[in-house]
Amino acid sequence: MLDDLRNSAASSYLDEEEAIQEDLRSGQDSSEEKLFLGMTAPQRFVIVLMMLMMTCVLGTFFLVATEKIVLPFL
């Protein structure tokens, strides 16, 4: 099963790369989504949502640490 793993992995990679080169040569625009920073739109949305949550949590922590707001249960 794993006898020719390296060659089979290399051949599939080369096949994909050849297909990409053919698309570029023929000038056809692939039907894949446009990538920005190597991520699709849903992936970028999740990253931005995580950054928003981190900003809100860190901002709240800073306000509590500087005693600008006081939590009711403390």
N, C-alpha and C. Protein backbone atom coordinates (compact mmCIF):
# COMPACT_ATOMS: atom_id res chain seq x y z
N MET A 1 0.82 -1.19 0.00
CA MET A 1 0.00 0.00 0.00
C MET A 1 0.86 1.26 0.00
N LEU A 2 1.92 1.28 0.81
CA LEU A 2 2.77 2.46 0.91
C LEU A 2 4.09 2.29 0.17
N ASP A 3 4.15 1.35 -0.74
CA ASP A 3 5.40 1.07 -1.43
C ASP A 3 5.88 2.25 -2.27
N ASP A 4 4.99 2.83 -3.03
CA ASP A 4 5.37 3.88 -3.97
C ASP A 4 4.71 5.21 -3.60
N LEU A 5 4.66 5.50 -2.31
CA LEU A 5 3.95 6.68 -1.83
C LEU A 5 4.59 7.97 -2.33
N ARG A 6 5.91 8.07 -2.28
CA ARG A 6 6.58 9.30 -2.69
C ARG A 6 6.35 9.60 -4.17
N ASN A 7 6.46 8.58 -5.01
CA ASN A 7 6.25 8.81 -6.45
C ASN A 7 4.80 9.13 -6.76
N SER A 8 3.88 8.49 -6.08
CA SER A 8 2.47 8.76 -6.35
C SER A 8 2.10 10.18 -5.89
N ALA A 9 2.67 10.62 -4.78
CA ALA A 9 2.40 11.99 -4.32
C ALA A 9 3.00 13.01 -5.27
N ALA A 10 4.20 12.76 -5.74
CA ALA A 10 4.84 13.69 -6.66
C ALA A 10 4.11 13.75 -7.99
N SER A 11 3.64 12.62 -8.47
CA SER A 11 2.96 12.62 -9.77
C SER A 11 1.64 13.36 -9.70
N SER A 12 0.89 13.22 -8.61
CA SER A 12 -0.38 13.94 -8.53
C SER A 12 -0.13 15.45 -8.44
N TYR A 13 0.92 15.83 -7.75
CA TYR A 13 1.27 17.25 -7.65
C TYR A 13 1.65 17.80 -9.03
N LEU A 14 2.44 17.05 -9.76
CA LEU A 14 2.85 17.50 -11.08
C LEU A 14 1.67 17.58 -12.03
N ASP A 15 0.72 16.64 -11.91
CA ASP A 15 -0.46 16.70 -12.76
C ASP A 15 -1.27 17.95 -12.49
N GLU A 16 -1.43 18.31 -11.22
CA GLU A 16 -2.18 19.52 -10.89
C GLU A 16 -1.46 20.76 -11.40
N GLU A 17 -0.14 20.77 -11.25
CA GLU A 17 0.63 21.93 -11.70
C GLU A 17 0.55 22.07 -13.21
N GLU A 18 0.58 20.96 -13.93
CA GLU A 18 0.46 21.02 -15.39
C GLU A 18 -0.91 21.55 -15.80
N ALA A 19 -1.95 21.16 -15.09
CA ALA A 19 -3.29 21.65 -15.41
C ALA A 19 -3.39 23.15 -15.18
N ILE A 20 -2.77 23.63 -14.12
CA ILE A 20 -2.77 25.07 -13.85
C ILE A 20 -2.02 25.81 -14.95
N GLN A 21 -0.88 25.27 -15.37
CA GLN A 21 -0.10 25.90 -16.43
C GLN A 21 -0.88 25.95 -17.73
N GLU A 22 -1.63 24.88 -18.04
CA GLU A 22 -2.43 24.86 -19.25
C GLU A 22 -3.51 25.93 -19.21
N ASP A 23 -4.15 26.10 -18.04
CA ASP A 23 -5.17 27.13 -17.91
C ASP A 23 -4.57 28.52 -18.11
N LEU A 24 -3.39 28.73 -17.57
CA LEU A 24 -2.75 30.04 -17.73
C LEU A 24 -2.37 30.30 -19.18
N ARG A 25 -1.88 29.25 -19.86
CA ARG A 25 -1.49 29.42 -21.26
C ARG A 25 -2.69 29.67 -22.15
N SER A 26 -3.79 28.99 -21.87
CA SER A 26 -4.95 29.15 -22.74
C SER A 26 -5.72 30.44 -22.45
N GLY A 27 -5.40 31.08 -21.32
CA GLY A 27 -6.05 32.34 -20.99
C GLY A 27 -7.43 32.17 -20.41
N GLN A 28 -7.80 30.95 -20.09
CA GLN A 28 -9.12 30.72 -19.50
C GLN A 28 -9.08 31.10 -18.03
N ASP A 29 -10.14 31.74 -17.60
CA ASP A 29 -10.28 32.11 -16.20
C ASP A 29 -10.92 30.94 -15.49
N SER A 30 -10.27 30.42 -14.49
CA SER A 30 -10.82 29.26 -13.79
C SER A 30 -12.08 29.66 -13.03
N SER A 31 -12.94 28.68 -12.79
CA SER A 31 -14.20 28.95 -12.11
C SER A 31 -14.02 28.97 -10.59
N GLU A 32 -12.79 28.83 -10.12
CA GLU A 32 -12.54 28.86 -8.68
C GLU A 32 -12.73 30.28 -8.16
N GLU A 33 -12.97 30.38 -6.84
CA GLU A 33 -13.14 31.68 -6.22
C GLU A 33 -11.82 32.45 -6.26
N LYS A 34 -11.94 33.75 -6.29
CA LYS A 34 -10.75 34.59 -6.28
C LYS A 34 -10.16 34.57 -4.88
N LEU A 35 -8.86 34.37 -4.78
CA LEU A 35 -8.20 34.26 -3.49
C LEU A 35 -7.47 35.55 -3.16
N PHE A 36 -7.53 35.94 -1.90
CA PHE A 36 -6.78 37.08 -1.39
C PHE A 36 -6.02 36.58 -0.18
N LEU A 37 -4.70 36.72 -0.19
CA LEU A 37 -3.84 36.18 0.86
C LEU A 37 -3.99 34.67 0.99
N GLY A 38 -4.35 34.02 -0.09
CA GLY A 38 -4.47 32.56 -0.09
C GLY A 38 -5.70 32.03 0.61
N MET A 39 -6.69 32.90 0.88
CA MET A 39 -7.89 32.47 1.60
C MET A 39 -9.13 32.80 0.79
N THR A 40 -10.15 31.99 0.97
CA THR A 40 -11.43 32.26 0.33
C THR A 40 -12.19 33.27 1.18
N ALA A 41 -13.31 33.74 0.66
CA ALA A 41 -14.10 34.74 1.37
C ALA A 41 -14.60 34.25 2.73
N PRO A 42 -15.13 33.02 2.85
CA PRO A 42 -15.56 32.57 4.18
C PRO A 42 -14.41 32.46 5.17
N GLN A 43 -13.24 32.07 4.71
CA GLN A 43 -12.07 31.98 5.60
C GLN A 43 -11.67 33.36 6.10
N ARG A 44 -11.68 34.35 5.22
CA ARG A 44 -11.36 35.71 5.63
C ARG A 44 -12.39 36.24 6.61
N PHE A 45 -13.67 35.90 6.41
CA PHE A 45 -14.72 36.34 7.31
C PHE A 45 -14.50 35.79 8.72
N VAL A 46 -14.13 34.52 8.82
CA VAL A 46 -13.89 33.91 10.13
C VAL A 46 -12.71 34.58 10.81
N ILE A 47 -11.65 34.86 10.07
CA ILE A 47 -10.48 35.54 10.65
C ILE A 47 -10.86 36.92 11.17
N VAL A 48 -11.62 37.68 10.38
CA VAL A 48 -12.02 39.02 10.80
C VAL A 48 -12.96 38.95 12.00
N LEU A 49 -13.85 37.98 12.02
CA LEU A 49 -14.75 37.81 13.16
C LEU A 49 -13.97 37.47 14.44
N MET A 50 -12.96 36.63 14.32
CA MET A 50 -12.13 36.30 15.47
C MET A 50 -11.36 37.53 15.96
N MET A 51 -10.86 38.35 15.04
CA MET A 51 -10.14 39.55 15.43
C MET A 51 -11.08 40.54 16.13
N LEU A 52 -12.32 40.65 15.66
CA LEU A 52 -13.29 41.52 16.31
C LEU A 52 -13.57 41.05 17.73
N MET A 53 -13.75 39.75 17.91
CA MET A 53 -14.01 39.21 19.24
C MET A 53 -12.83 39.44 20.17
N MET A 54 -11.62 39.24 19.67
CA MET A 54 -10.43 39.47 20.50
C MET A 54 -10.32 40.94 20.91
N THR A 55 -10.62 41.85 19.99
CA THR A 55 -10.57 43.27 20.29
C THR A 55 -11.59 43.64 21.36
N CYS A 56 -12.79 43.11 21.26
CA CYS A 56 -13.82 43.40 22.26
C CYS A 56 -13.43 42.85 23.64
N VAL A 57 -12.93 41.63 23.66
CA VAL A 57 -12.55 41.02 24.94
C VAL A 57 -11.36 41.76 25.56
N LEU A 58 -10.35 42.07 24.77
CA LEU A 58 -9.19 42.78 25.30
C LEU A 58 -9.55 44.21 25.74
N GLY A 59 -10.43 44.87 25.00
CA GLY A 59 -10.87 46.20 25.39
C GLY A 59 -11.62 46.18 26.70
N THR A 60 -12.50 45.19 26.86
CA THR A 60 -13.24 45.06 28.12
C THR A 60 -12.29 44.75 29.27
N PHE A 61 -11.33 43.86 29.03
CA PHE A 61 -10.35 43.54 30.06
C PHE A 61 -9.56 44.79 30.47
N PHE A 62 -9.17 45.59 29.51
CA PHE A 62 -8.42 46.81 29.80
C PHE A 62 -9.25 47.78 30.64
N LEU A 63 -10.53 47.93 30.31
CA LEU A 63 -11.39 48.83 31.07
C LEU A 63 -11.58 48.33 32.50
N VAL A 64 -11.70 47.03 32.67
CA VAL A 64 -11.84 46.47 34.02
C VAL A 64 -10.53 46.62 34.78
N ALA A 65 -9.40 46.40 34.12
CA ALA A 65 -8.10 46.48 34.78
C ALA A 65 -7.78 47.90 35.22
N THR A 66 -8.21 48.89 34.45
CA THR A 66 -7.96 50.28 34.82
C THR A 66 -9.07 50.86 35.67
N GLU A 67 -10.04 50.03 36.05
CA GLU A 67 -11.17 50.40 36.90
C GLU A 67 -12.02 51.54 36.32
N LYS A 68 -12.10 51.60 35.02
CA LYS A 68 -13.01 52.55 34.37
C LYS A 68 -14.44 52.03 34.43
N ILE A 69 -14.58 50.72 34.43
CA ILE A 69 -15.89 50.09 34.64
C ILE A 69 -15.71 49.04 35.74
N VAL A 70 -16.77 48.76 36.44
CA VAL A 70 -16.73 47.77 37.51
C VAL A 70 -17.77 46.71 37.21
N LEU A 71 -17.35 45.46 37.27
CA LEU A 71 -18.29 44.38 37.03
C LEU A 71 -19.19 44.24 38.25
N PRO A 72 -20.49 44.00 38.04
CA PRO A 72 -21.43 43.99 39.17
C PRO A 72 -21.22 42.80 40.12
N PHE A 73 -20.63 41.73 39.68
CA PHE A 73 -20.48 40.57 40.54
C PHE A 73 -19.13 40.53 41.27
N LEU A 74 -18.31 41.57 41.12
CA LEU A 74 -17.04 41.59 41.84
C LEU A 74 -17.08 42.52 43.01
